[in-house]
Amino acid sequence: MQSSTARNSARLSTYSNAPTLTPSIAPSTTSSIDPRHAEIKAWNAGLDRLEDKRLVSQRYVASPDKIDNMSKLALGAKLDRALARRMSEQDAVFRPHARGISVDEKSGSEKEDA
């Protein structure tokens, strides 16, 4: 029979056999000192400090008309870039067509017109 002491094992994933970030139902001694949790908490604290409460009220918020206009401009610019890319990557070479010789497209052979 097992003793009632605290578990010292980490909870492992069923698929990869790697430790999971999800805390188990039973309290674990390793979950409170997990370096990944500590790093995530440090990042969140740093991001909270970066957000200046005084500047939040001064932040620019565009009106719905302005947002709609900017969306149309962005779509137009995207279309222009796509068309320019499409036209610049054409690999067709235009050669002067000699009269009297026609090319049969199906067989690829040349024949003279009479």
PDB file of N, CA and C in Angstrom:
ATOM      1  N   MET A   1       0.826  -1.169   0.000  1.00  0.00           N
ATOM      2  CA  MET A   1       0.000   0.000   0.000  1.00  0.00           C
ATOM      3  C   MET A   1       0.877   1.241   0.000  1.00  0.00           C
ATOM      4  N   GLN A   2       0.392   2.320  -0.652  1.00  0.00           N
ATOM      5  CA  GLN A   2       1.182   3.538  -0.759  1.00  0.00           C
ATOM      6  C   GLN A   2       0.995   4.392   0.478  1.00  0.00           C
ATOM      7  N   SER A   3       2.043   5.122   0.794  1.00  0.00           N
ATOM      8  CA  SER A   3       1.933   6.034   1.931  1.00  0.00           C
ATOM      9  C   SER A   3       1.219   7.300   1.493  1.00  0.00           C
ATOM     10  N   SER A   4       0.793   8.099   2.433  1.00  0.00           N
ATOM     11  CA  SER A   4       0.030   9.304   2.125  1.00  0.00           C
ATOM     12  C   SER A   4       0.933  10.525   1.950  1.00  0.00           C
ATOM     13  N   THR A   5       2.196  10.326   1.590  1.00  0.00           N
ATOM     14  CA  THR A   5       3.093  11.459   1.360  1.00  0.00           C
ATOM     15  C   THR A   5       2.785  12.086   0.007  1.00  0.00           C
ATOM     16  N   ALA A   6       3.249  13.319  -0.177  1.00  0.00           N
ATOM     17  CA  ALA A   6       2.977  14.052  -1.419  1.00  0.00           C
ATOM     18  C   ALA A   6       3.720  13.405  -2.583  1.00  0.00           C
ATOM     19  N   ARG A   7       3.110  13.479  -3.750  1.00  0.00           N
ATOM     20  CA  ARG A   7       3.716  12.923  -4.954  1.00  0.00           C
ATOM     21  C   ARG A   7       4.865  13.804  -5.419  1.00  0.00           C
ATOM     22  N   ASN A   8       5.938  13.215  -5.834  1.00  0.00           N
ATOM     23  CA  ASN A   8       7.069  13.971  -6.351  1.00  0.00           C
ATOM     24  C   ASN A   8       7.216  13.818  -7.858  1.00  0.00           C
ATOM     25  N   SER A   9       6.276  13.155  -8.512  1.00  0.00           N
ATOM     26  CA  SER A   9       6.383  12.945  -9.951  1.00  0.00           C
ATOM     27  C   SER A   9       5.625  14.038 -10.694  1.00  0.00           C
ATOM     28  N   ALA A  10       6.075  14.322 -11.894  1.00  0.00           N
ATOM     29  CA  ALA A  10       5.401  15.302 -12.741  1.00  0.00           C
ATOM     30  C   ALA A  10       4.348  14.586 -13.573  1.00  0.00           C
ATOM     31  N   ARG A  11       3.344  15.308 -13.997  1.00  0.00           N
ATOM     32  CA  ARG A  11       2.305  14.751 -14.846  1.00  0.00           C
ATOM     33  C   ARG A  11       2.834  14.709 -16.270  1.00  0.00           C
ATOM     34  N   LEU A  12       2.787  13.548 -16.906  1.00  0.00           N
ATOM     35  CA  LEU A  12       3.339  13.375 -18.239  1.00  0.00           C
ATOM     36  C   LEU A  12       2.229  13.246 -19.268  1.00  0.00           C
ATOM     37  N   SER A  13       2.508  13.706 -20.481  1.00  0.00           N
ATOM     38  CA  SER A  13       1.560  13.606 -21.568  1.00  0.00           C
ATOM     39  C   SER A  13       1.415  12.154 -21.997  1.00  0.00           C
ATOM     40  N   THR A  14       0.206  11.784 -22.397  1.00  0.00           N
ATOM     41  CA  THR A  14      -0.054  10.417 -22.837  1.00  0.00           C
ATOM     42  C   THR A  14       0.631  10.135 -24.172  1.00  0.00           C
ATOM     43  N   TYR A  15       0.706  11.143 -25.041  1.00  0.00           N
ATOM     44  CA  TYR A  15       1.215  10.937 -26.385  1.00  0.00           C
ATOM     45  C   TYR A  15       2.729  11.070 -26.470  1.00  0.00           C
ATOM     46  N   SER A  16       3.303  12.123 -25.910  1.00  0.00           N
ATOM     47  CA  SER A  16       4.732  12.370 -26.099  1.00  0.00           C
ATOM     48  C   SER A  16       5.576  12.004 -24.895  1.00  0.00           C
ATOM     49  N   ASN A  17       4.965  11.646 -23.798  1.00  0.00           N
ATOM     50  CA  ASN A  17       5.650  11.302 -22.559  1.00  0.00           C
ATOM     51  C   ASN A  17       6.488  12.476 -22.047  1.00  0.00           C
ATOM     52  N   ALA A  18       6.061  13.703 -22.398  1.00  0.00           N
ATOM     53  CA  ALA A  18       6.731  14.913 -21.927  1.00  0.00           C
ATOM     54  C   ALA A  18       5.886  15.542 -20.827  1.00  0.00           C
ATOM     55  N   PRO A  19       6.500  16.286 -19.930  1.00  0.00           N
ATOM     56  CA  PRO A  19       5.722  16.944 -18.871  1.00  0.00           C
ATOM     57  C   PRO A  19       4.724  17.933 -19.467  1.00  0.00           C
ATOM     58  N   THR A  20       3.532  18.002 -18.910  1.00  0.00           N
ATOM     59  CA  THR A  20       2.504  18.898 -19.413  1.00  0.00           C
ATOM     60  C   THR A  20       2.459  20.161 -18.579  1.00  0.00           C
ATOM     61  N   LEU A  21       1.902  21.224 -19.173  1.00  0.00           N
ATOM     62  CA  LEU A  21       1.724  22.481 -18.455  1.00  0.00           C
ATOM     63  C   LEU A  21       0.427  22.496 -17.666  1.00  0.00           C
ATOM     64  N   THR A  22      -0.479  21.582 -17.987  1.00  0.00           N
ATOM     65  CA  THR A  22      -1.769  21.533 -17.317  1.00  0.00           C
ATOM     66  C   THR A  22      -1.595  20.993 -15.903  1.00  0.00           C
ATOM     67  N   PRO A  23      -2.068  21.722 -14.911  1.00  0.00           N
ATOM     68  CA  PRO A  23      -1.922  21.209 -13.546  1.00  0.00           C
ATOM     69  C   PRO A  23      -2.851  20.022 -13.324  1.00  0.00           C
ATOM     70  N   SER A  24      -2.393  19.083 -12.547  1.00  0.00           N
ATOM     71  CA  SER A  24      -3.226  17.928 -12.252  1.00  0.00           C
ATOM     72  C   SER A  24      -4.211  18.290 -11.148  1.00  0.00           C
ATOM     73  N   ILE A  25      -5.176  17.418 -10.927  1.00  0.00           N
ATOM     74  CA  ILE A  25      -6.176  17.661  -9.882  1.00  0.00           C
ATOM     75  C   ILE A  25      -5.511  17.608  -8.513  1.00  0.00           C
ATOM     76  N   ALA A  26      -4.644  16.643  -8.331  1.00  0.00           N
ATOM     77  CA  ALA A  26      -3.925  16.531  -7.061  1.00  0.00           C
ATOM     78  C   ALA A  26      -2.784  17.538  -7.052  1.00  0.00           C
ATOM     79  N   PRO A  27      -2.562  18.220  -5.947  1.00  0.00           N
ATOM     80  CA  PRO A  27      -1.465  19.192  -5.904  1.00  0.00           C
ATOM     81  C   PRO A  27      -0.121  18.488  -6.034  1.00  0.00           C
ATOM     82  N   SER A  28       0.745  19.093  -6.793  1.00  0.00           N
ATOM     83  CA  SER A  28       2.056  18.514  -7.041  1.00  0.00           C
ATOM     84  C   SER A  28       3.124  19.491  -6.579  1.00  0.00           C
ATOM     85  N   THR A  29       4.207  18.983  -6.066  1.00  0.00           N
ATOM     86  CA  THR A  29       5.268  19.867  -5.589  1.00  0.00           C
ATOM     87  C   THR A  29       6.050  20.469  -6.744  1.00  0.00           C
ATOM     88  N   THR A  30       6.039  19.827  -7.920  1.00  0.00           N
ATOM     89  CA  THR A  30       6.813  20.350  -9.041  1.00  0.00           C
ATOM     90  C   THR A  30       6.058  21.425  -9.806  1.00  0.00           C
ATOM     91  N   SER A  31       4.734  21.490  -9.691  1.00  0.00           N
ATOM     92  CA  SER A  31       3.980  22.454 -10.482  1.00  0.00           C
ATOM     93  C   SER A  31       4.223  23.882 -10.023  1.00  0.00           C
ATOM     94  N   SER A  32       4.533  24.101  -8.758  1.00  0.00           N
ATOM     95  CA  SER A  32       4.728  25.462  -8.277  1.00  0.00           C
ATOM     96  C   SER A  32       6.110  26.003  -8.628  1.00  0.00           C
ATOM     97  N   ILE A  33       7.066  25.125  -8.873  1.00  0.00           N
ATOM     98  CA  ILE A  33       8.413  25.586  -9.199  1.00  0.00           C
ATOM     99  C   ILE A  33       8.793  25.259 -10.638  1.00  0.00           C
ATOM    100  N   ASP A  34       7.824  25.020 -11.468  1.00  0.00           N
ATOM    101  CA  ASP A  34       8.082  24.708 -12.866  1.00  0.00           C
ATOM    102  C   ASP A  34       8.673  25.946 -13.544  1.00  0.00           C
ATOM    103  N   PRO A  35       9.828  25.852 -14.166  1.00  0.00           N
ATOM    104  CA  PRO A  35      10.448  27.038 -14.773  1.00  0.00           C
ATOM    105  C   PRO A  35       9.647  27.607 -15.939  1.00  0.00           C
ATOM    106  N   ARG A  36       8.868  26.764 -16.614  1.00  0.00           N
ATOM    107  CA  ARG A  36       8.051  27.274 -17.721  1.00  0.00           C
ATOM    108  C   ARG A  36       6.951  28.184 -17.210  1.00  0.00           C
ATOM    109  N   HIS A  37       6.315  27.798 -16.099  1.00  0.00           N
ATOM    110  CA  HIS A  37       5.280  28.645 -15.510  1.00  0.00           C
ATOM    111  C   HIS A  37       5.881  29.950 -15.019  1.00  0.00           C
ATOM    112  N   ALA A  38       7.046  29.878 -14.410  1.00  0.00           N
ATOM    113  CA  ALA A  38       7.698  31.085 -13.906  1.00  0.00           C
ATOM    114  C   ALA A  38       8.060  32.020 -15.057  1.00  0.00           C
ATOM    115  N   GLU A  39       8.508  31.449 -16.175  1.00  0.00           N
ATOM    116  CA  GLU A  39       8.872  32.279 -17.322  1.00  0.00           C
ATOM    117  C   GLU A  39       7.643  32.949 -17.926  1.00  0.00           C
ATOM    118  N   ILE A  40       6.541  32.211 -18.027  1.00  0.00           N
ATOM    119  CA  ILE A  40       5.309  32.790 -18.568  1.00  0.00           C
ATOM    120  C   ILE A  40       4.812  33.908 -17.666  1.00  0.00           C
ATOM    121  N   LYS A  41       4.860  33.695 -16.355  1.00  0.00           N
ATOM    122  CA  LYS A  41       4.434  34.746 -15.422  1.00  0.00           C
ATOM    123  C   LYS A  41       5.333  35.967 -15.533  1.00  0.00           C
ATOM    124  N   ALA A  42       6.631  35.770 -15.722  1.00  0.00           N
ATOM    125  CA  ALA A  42       7.555  36.898 -15.870  1.00  0.00           C
ATOM    126  C   ALA A  42       7.250  37.684 -17.143  1.00  0.00           C
ATOM    127  N   TRP A  43       6.962  36.981 -18.220  1.00  0.00           N
ATOM    128  CA  TRP A  43       6.605  37.663 -19.474  1.00  0.00           C
ATOM    129  C   TRP A  43       5.328  38.475 -19.303  1.00  0.00           C
ATOM    130  N   ASN A  44       4.315  37.885 -18.680  1.00  0.00           N
ATOM    131  CA  ASN A  44       3.055  38.603 -18.475  1.00  0.00           C
ATOM    132  C   ASN A  44       3.253  39.834 -17.607  1.00  0.00           C
ATOM    133  N   ALA A  45       4.063  39.717 -16.563  1.00  0.00           N
ATOM    134  CA  ALA A  45       4.325  40.867 -15.698  1.00  0.00           C
ATOM    135  C   ALA A  45       5.052  41.964 -16.474  1.00  0.00           C
ATOM    136  N   GLY A  46       5.992  41.586 -17.317  1.00  0.00           N
ATOM    137  CA  GLY A  46       6.709  42.567 -18.130  1.00  0.00           C
ATOM    138  C   GLY A  46       5.800  43.268 -19.117  1.00  0.00           C
ATOM    139  N   LEU A  47       4.891  42.520 -19.731  1.00  0.00           N
ATOM    140  CA  LEU A  47       3.955  43.133 -20.677  1.00  0.00           C
ATOM    141  C   LEU A  47       2.989  44.072 -19.966  1.00  0.00           C
ATOM    142  N   ASP A  48       2.566  43.717 -18.760  1.00  0.00           N
ATOM    143  CA  ASP A  48       1.693  44.603 -17.992  1.00  0.00           C
ATOM    144  C   ASP A  48       2.407  45.905 -17.645  1.00  0.00           C
ATOM    145  N   ARG A  49       3.696  45.827 -17.344  1.00  0.00           N
ATOM    146  CA  ARG A  49       4.449  47.044 -17.026  1.00  0.00           C
ATOM    147  C   ARG A  49       4.647  47.912 -18.260  1.00  0.00           C
ATOM    148  N   LEU A  50       4.722  47.304 -19.451  1.00  0.00           N
ATOM    149  CA  LEU A  50       4.899  48.082 -20.675  1.00  0.00           C
ATOM    150  C   LEU A  50       3.667  48.909 -21.010  1.00  0.00           C
ATOM    151  N   GLU A  51       2.507  48.455 -20.615  1.00  0.00           N
ATOM    152  CA  GLU A  51       1.272  49.171 -20.925  1.00  0.00           C
ATOM    153  C   GLU A  51       1.118  50.332 -19.951  1.00  0.00           C
ATOM    154  N   ASP A  52       1.258  51.541 -20.477  1.00  0.00           N
ATOM    155  CA  ASP A  52       1.144  52.743 -19.653  1.00  0.00           C
ATOM    156  C   ASP A  52      -0.324  53.150 -19.594  1.00  0.00           C
ATOM    157  N   LYS A  53      -0.883  53.167 -18.408  1.00  0.00           N
ATOM    158  CA  LYS A  53      -2.314  53.448 -18.244  1.00  0.00           C
ATOM    159  C   LYS A  53      -2.663  54.865 -18.706  1.00  0.00           C
ATOM    160  N   ARG A  54      -1.726  55.811 -18.546  1.00  0.00           N
ATOM    161  CA  ARG A  54      -2.010  57.193 -18.958  1.00  0.00           C
ATOM    162  C   ARG A  54      -2.116  57.310 -20.472  1.00  0.00           C
ATOM    163  N   LEU A  55      -1.357  56.483 -21.192  1.00  0.00           N
ATOM    164  CA  LEU A  55      -1.351  56.579 -22.650  1.00  0.00           C
ATOM    165  C   LEU A  55      -2.495  55.817 -23.303  1.00  0.00           C
ATOM    166  N   VAL A  56      -3.127  54.927 -22.571  1.00  0.00           N
ATOM    167  CA  VAL A  56      -4.235  54.149 -23.134  1.00  0.00           C
ATOM    168  C   VAL A  56      -5.378  55.076 -23.531  1.00  0.00           C
ATOM    169  N   SER A  57      -5.633  56.103 -22.721  1.00  0.00           N
ATOM    170  CA  SER A  57      -6.733  57.028 -23.026  1.00  0.00           C
ATOM    171  C   SER A  57      -6.405  57.911 -24.226  1.00  0.00           C
ATOM    172  N   GLN A  58      -5.136  58.051 -24.589  1.00  0.00           N
ATOM    173  CA  GLN A  58      -4.745  58.894 -25.719  1.00  0.00           C
ATOM    174  C   GLN A  58      -4.627  58.110 -27.021  1.00  0.00           C
ATOM    175  N   ARG A  59      -4.839  56.812 -26.965  1.00  0.00           N
ATOM    176  CA  ARG A  59      -4.674  55.970 -28.144  1.00  0.00           C
ATOM    177  C   ARG A  59      -5.719  56.317 -29.203  1.00  0.00           C
ATOM    178  N   TYR A  60      -5.288  56.377 -30.474  1.00  0.00           N
ATOM    179  CA  TYR A  60      -6.173  56.704 -31.582  1.00  0.00           C
ATOM    180  C   TYR A  60      -7.067  55.515 -31.911  1.00  0.00           C
ATOM    181  N   VAL A  61      -8.359  55.783 -32.025  1.00  0.00           N
ATOM    182  CA  VAL A  61      -9.321  54.765 -32.438  1.00  0.00           C
ATOM    183  C   VAL A  61     -10.023  55.304 -33.677  1.00  0.00           C
ATOM    184  N   ALA A  62      -9.887  54.590 -34.780  1.00  0.00           N
ATOM    185  CA  ALA A  62     -10.469  55.040 -36.042  1.00  0.00           C
ATOM    186  C   ALA A  62     -11.979  54.861 -36.038  1.00  0.00           C
ATOM    187  N   SER A  63     -12.650  55.769 -36.752  1.00  0.00           N
ATOM    188  CA  SER A  63     -14.106  55.673 -36.884  1.00  0.00           C
ATOM    189  C   SER A  63     -14.438  54.538 -37.856  1.00  0.00           C
ATOM    190  N   PRO A  64     -15.676  54.043 -37.817  1.00  0.00           N
ATOM    191  CA  PRO A  64     -16.053  52.960 -38.752  1.00  0.00           C
ATOM    192  C   PRO A  64     -15.872  53.350 -40.220  1.00  0.00           C
ATOM    193  N   ASP A  65     -16.151  54.631 -40.561  1.00  0.00           N
ATOM    194  CA  ASP A  65     -15.953  55.068 -41.948  1.00  0.00           C
ATOM    195  C   ASP A  65     -14.476  55.030 -42.329  1.00  0.00           C
ATOM    196  N   LYS A  66     -13.628  55.455 -41.400  1.00  0.00           N
ATOM    197  CA  LYS A  66     -12.188  55.455 -41.657  1.00  0.00           C
ATOM    198  C   LYS A  66     -11.673  54.019 -41.808  1.00  0.00           C
ATOM    199  N   ILE A  67     -12.180  53.119 -40.969  1.00  0.00           N
ATOM    200  CA  ILE A  67     -11.779  51.708 -41.053  1.00  0.00           C
ATOM    201  C   ILE A  67     -12.202  51.121 -42.396  1.00  0.00           C
ATOM    202  N   ASP A  68     -13.426  51.452 -42.841  1.00  0.00           N
ATOM    203  CA  ASP A  68     -13.932  50.953 -44.116  1.00  0.00           C
ATOM    204  C   ASP A  68     -13.087  51.481 -45.274  1.00  0.00           C
ATOM    205  N   ASN A  69     -12.749  52.771 -45.216  1.00  0.00           N
ATOM    206  CA  ASN A  69     -11.938  53.378 -46.271  1.00  0.00           C
ATOM    207  C   ASN A  69     -10.541  52.756 -46.315  1.00  0.00           C
ATOM    208  N   MET A  70      -9.945  52.551 -45.160  1.00  0.00           N
ATOM    209  CA  MET A  70      -8.614  51.940 -45.110  1.00  0.00           C
ATOM    210  C   MET A  70      -8.654  50.503 -45.609  1.00  0.00           C
ATOM    211  N   SER A  71      -9.743  49.785 -45.334  1.00  0.00           N
ATOM    212  CA  SER A  71      -9.877  48.408 -45.817  1.00  0.00           C
ATOM    213  C   SER A  71      -9.943  48.369 -47.340  1.00  0.00           C
ATOM    214  N   LYS A  72     -10.678  49.327 -47.920  1.00  0.00           N
ATOM    215  CA  LYS A  72     -10.769  49.384 -49.380  1.00  0.00           C
ATOM    216  C   LYS A  72      -9.423  49.727 -50.000  1.00  0.00           C
ATOM    217  N   LEU A  73      -8.698  50.667 -49.383  1.00  0.00           N
ATOM    218  CA  LEU A  73      -7.378  51.025 -49.899  1.00  0.00           C
ATOM    219  C   LEU A  73      -6.413  49.849 -49.803  1.00  0.00           C
ATOM    220  N   ALA A  74      -6.483  49.117 -48.707  1.00  0.00           N
ATOM    221  CA  ALA A  74      -5.604  47.960 -48.533  1.00  0.00           C
ATOM    222  C   ALA A  74      -5.925  46.882 -49.560  1.00  0.00           C
ATOM    223  N   LEU A  75      -7.208  46.668 -49.832  1.00  0.00           N
ATOM    224  CA  LEU A  75      -7.600  45.678 -50.830  1.00  0.00           C
ATOM    225  C   LEU A  75      -7.123  46.097 -52.215  1.00  0.00           C
ATOM    226  N   GLY A  76      -7.254  47.394 -52.536  1.00  0.00           N
ATOM    227  CA  GLY A  76      -6.773  47.894 -53.821  1.00  0.00           C
ATOM    228  C   GLY A  76      -5.271  47.715 -53.970  1.00  0.00           C
ATOM    229  N   ALA A  77      -4.518  48.010 -52.913  1.00  0.00           N
ATOM    230  CA  ALA A  77      -3.065  47.844 -52.959  1.00  0.00           C
ATOM    231  C   ALA A  77      -2.695  46.376 -53.120  1.00  0.00           C
ATOM    232  N   LYS A  78      -3.425  45.501 -52.452  1.00  0.00           N
ATOM    233  CA  LYS A  78      -3.161  44.064 -52.560  1.00  0.00           C
ATOM    234  C   LYS A  78      -3.431  43.582 -53.986  1.00  0.00           C
ATOM    235  N   LEU A  79      -4.502  44.071 -54.585  1.00  0.00           N
ATOM    236  CA  LEU A  79      -4.843  43.704 -55.957  1.00  0.00           C
ATOM    237  C   LEU A  79      -3.788  44.223 -56.930  1.00  0.00           C
ATOM    238  N   ASP A  80      -3.327  45.473 -56.724  1.00  0.00           N
ATOM    239  CA  ASP A  80      -2.279  46.026 -57.587  1.00  0.00           C
ATOM    240  C   ASP A  80      -1.003  45.194 -57.515  1.00  0.00           C
ATOM    241  N   ARG A  81      -0.607  44.792 -56.313  1.00  0.00           N
ATOM    242  CA  ARG A  81       0.598  43.976 -56.159  1.00  0.00           C
ATOM    243  C   ARG A  81       0.432  42.626 -56.845  1.00  0.00           C
ATOM    244  N   ALA A  82      -0.752  42.031 -56.702  1.00  0.00           N
ATOM    245  CA  ALA A  82      -0.992  40.721 -57.315  1.00  0.00           C
ATOM    246  C   ALA A  82      -0.963  40.820 -58.839  1.00  0.00           C
ATOM    247  N   LEU A  83      -1.572  41.871 -59.385  1.00  0.00           N
ATOM    248  CA  LEU A  83      -1.575  42.029 -60.838  1.00  0.00           C
ATOM    249  C   LEU A  83      -0.176  42.326 -61.364  1.00  0.00           C
ATOM    250  N   ALA A  84       0.583  43.145 -60.646  1.00  0.00           N
ATOM    251  CA  ALA A  84       1.951  43.439 -61.077  1.00  0.00           C
ATOM    252  C   ALA A  84       2.802  42.176 -61.043  1.00  0.00           C
ATOM    253  N   ARG A  85       2.622  41.369 -60.015  1.00  0.00           N
ATOM    254  CA  ARG A  85       3.375  40.119 -59.908  1.00  0.00           C
ATOM    255  C   ARG A  85       2.964  39.163 -61.025  1.00  0.00           C
ATOM    256  N   ARG A  86       1.686  39.137 -61.329  1.00  0.00           N
ATOM    257  CA  ARG A  86       1.199  38.233 -62.368  1.00  0.00           C
ATOM    258  C   ARG A  86       1.743  38.641 -63.734  1.00  0.00           C
ATOM    259  N   MET A  87       1.754  39.946 -63.991  1.00  0.00           N
ATOM    260  CA  MET A  87       2.220  40.408 -65.289  1.00  0.00           C
ATOM    261  C   MET A  87       3.739  40.330 -65.410  1.00  0.00           C
ATOM    262  N   SER A  88       4.460  40.469 -64.311  1.00  0.00           N
ATOM    263  CA  SER A  88       5.920  40.458 -64.390  1.00  0.00           C
ATOM    264  C   SER A  88       6.475  39.049 -64.525  1.00  0.00           C
ATOM    265  N   GLU A  89       5.735  38.056 -64.161  1.00  0.00           N
ATOM    266  CA  GLU A  89       6.228  36.684 -64.204  1.00  0.00           C
ATOM    267  C   GLU A  89       5.774  35.925 -65.444  1.00  0.00           C
ATOM    268  N   GLN A  90       5.351  36.661 -66.457  1.00  0.00           N
ATOM    269  CA  GLN A  90       4.959  36.005 -67.701  1.00  0.00           C
ATOM    270  C   GLN A  90       6.213  35.531 -68.418  1.00  0.00           C
ATOM    271  N   ASP A  91       6.193  34.333 -68.938  1.00  0.00           N
ATOM    272  CA  ASP A  91       7.369  33.799 -69.609  1.00  0.00           C
ATOM    273  C   ASP A  91       7.146  33.619 -71.109  1.00  0.00           C
ATOM    274  N   ALA A  92       6.083  34.197 -71.644  1.00  0.00           N
ATOM    275  CA  ALA A  92       5.821  34.076 -73.075  1.00  0.00           C
ATOM    276  C   ALA A  92       6.798  34.959 -73.844  1.00  0.00           C
ATOM    277  N   VAL A  93       7.322  34.433 -74.947  1.00  0.00           N
ATOM    278  CA  VAL A  93       8.244  35.183 -75.793  1.00  0.00           C
ATOM    279  C   VAL A  93       7.531  35.416 -77.111  1.00  0.00           C
ATOM    280  N   PHE A  94       7.401  36.684 -77.485  1.00  0.00           N
ATOM    281  CA  PHE A  94       6.716  37.015 -78.723  1.00  0.00           C
ATOM    282  C   PHE A  94       7.748  37.124 -79.841  1.00  0.00           C
ATOM    283  N   ARG A  95       7.593  36.281 -80.868  1.00  0.00           N
ATOM    284  CA  ARG A  95       8.502  36.278 -82.009  1.00  0.00           C
ATOM    285  C   ARG A  95       7.703  36.684 -83.245  1.00  0.00           C
ATOM    286  N   PRO A  96       8.363  37.339 -84.161  1.00  0.00           N
ATOM    287  CA  PRO A  96       7.637  37.689 -85.398  1.00  0.00           C
ATOM    288  C   PRO A  96       7.256  36.416 -86.150  1.00  0.00           C
ATOM    289  N   HIS A  97       6.032  36.378 -86.598  1.00  0.00           N
ATOM    290  CA  HIS A  97       5.518  35.197 -87.275  1.00  0.00           C
ATOM    291  C   HIS A  97       5.869  35.286 -88.759  1.00  0.00           C
ATOM    292  N   ALA A  98       6.545  34.275 -89.268  1.00  0.00           N
ATOM    293  CA  ALA A  98       6.926  34.252 -90.684  1.00  0.00           C
ATOM    294  C   ALA A  98       5.706  33.880 -91.513  1.00  0.00           C
ATOM    295  N   ARG A  99       5.483  34.644 -92.566  1.00  0.00           N
ATOM    296  CA  ARG A  99       4.330  34.359 -93.422  1.00  0.00           C
ATOM    297  C   ARG A  99       4.622  33.154 -94.309  1.00  0.00           C
ATOM    298  N   GLY A 100       3.622  32.414 -94.573  1.00  0.00           N
ATOM    299  CA  GLY A 100       3.760  31.258 -95.448  1.00  0.00           C
ATOM    300  C   GLY A 100       4.032  29.976 -94.682  1.00  0.00           C
ATOM    301  N   ILE A 101       4.451  30.082 -93.433  1.00  0.00           N
ATOM    302  CA  ILE A 101       4.700  28.888 -92.633  1.00  0.00           C
ATOM    303  C   ILE A 101       3.748  28.932 -91.446  1.00  0.00           C
ATOM    304  N   SER A 102       2.996  27.882 -91.306  1.00  0.00           N
ATOM    305  CA  SER A 102       2.099  27.817 -90.157  1.00  0.00           C
ATOM    306  C   SER A 102       2.484  26.610 -89.312  1.00  0.00           C
ATOM    307  N   VAL A 103       2.216  26.710 -88.061  1.00  0.00           N
ATOM    308  CA  VAL A 103       2.565  25.629 -87.145  1.00  0.00           C
ATOM    309  C   VAL A 103       1.284  24.925 -86.737  1.00  0.00           C
ATOM    310  N   ASP A 104       1.291  23.617 -86.925  1.00  0.00           N
ATOM    311  CA  ASP A 104       0.158  22.821 -86.479  1.00  0.00           C
ATOM    312  C   ASP A 104       0.324  22.602 -84.974  1.00  0.00           C
ATOM    313  N   GLU A 105      -0.577  23.170 -84.183  1.00  0.00           N
ATOM    314  CA  GLU A 105      -0.430  23.128 -82.729  1.00  0.00           C
ATOM    315  C   GLU A 105      -0.563  21.721 -82.161  1.00  0.00           C
ATOM    316  N   LYS A 106      -1.350  20.882 -82.806  1.00  0.00           N
ATOM    317  CA  LYS A 106      -1.562  19.539 -82.271  1.00  0.00           C
ATOM    318  C   LYS A 106      -0.343  18.645 -82.480  1.00  0.00           C
ATOM    319  N   SER A 107       0.237  18.681 -83.658  1.00  0.00           N
ATOM    320  CA  SER A 107       1.369  17.793 -83.930  1.00  0.00           C
ATOM    321  C   SER A 107       2.709  18.479 -83.694  1.00  0.00           C
ATOM    322  N   GLY A 108       2.739  19.806 -83.685  1.00  0.00           N
ATOM    323  CA  GLY A 108       3.984  20.534 -83.458  1.00  0.00           C
ATOM    324  C   GLY A 108       4.846  20.622 -84.701  1.00  0.00           C
ATOM    325  N   SER A 109       4.328  20.207 -85.857  1.00  0.00           N
ATOM    326  CA  SER A 109       5.124  20.248 -87.084  1.00  0.00           C
ATOM    327  C   SER A 109       4.761  21.492 -87.888  1.00  0.00           C
ATOM    328  N   GLU A 110       5.733  21.927 -88.709  1.00  0.00           N
ATOM    329  CA  GLU A 110       5.505  23.099 -89.548  1.00  0.00           C
ATOM    330  C   GLU A 110       5.095  22.632 -90.937  1.00  0.00           C
ATOM    331  N   LYS A 111       4.245  23.406 -91.582  1.00  0.00           N
ATOM    332  CA  LYS A 111       3.865  23.103 -92.955  1.00  0.00           C
ATOM    333  C   LYS A 111       3.762  24.413 -93.720  1.00  0.00           C
ATOM    334  N   GLU A 112       4.041  24.366 -94.996  1.00  0.00           N
ATOM    335  CA  GLU A 112       4.004  25.581 -95.800  1.00  0.00           C
ATOM    336  C   GLU A 112       2.613  25.785 -96.352  1.00  0.00           C
ATOM    337  N   ASP A 113       2.187  27.067 -96.310  1.00  0.00           N
ATOM    338  CA  ASP A 113       0.896  27.411 -96.900  1.00  0.00           C
ATOM    339  C   ASP A 113       1.108  27.676 -98.386  1.00  0.00           C
ATOM    340  N   ALA A 114       0.211  27.199 -99.223  1.00  0.00           N
ATOM    341  CA  ALA A 114       0.358  27.392-100.653  1.00  0.00           C
ATOM    342  C   ALA A 114      -0.563  28.451-101.154  1.00  0.00           C
TER     343      ALA A 114
END
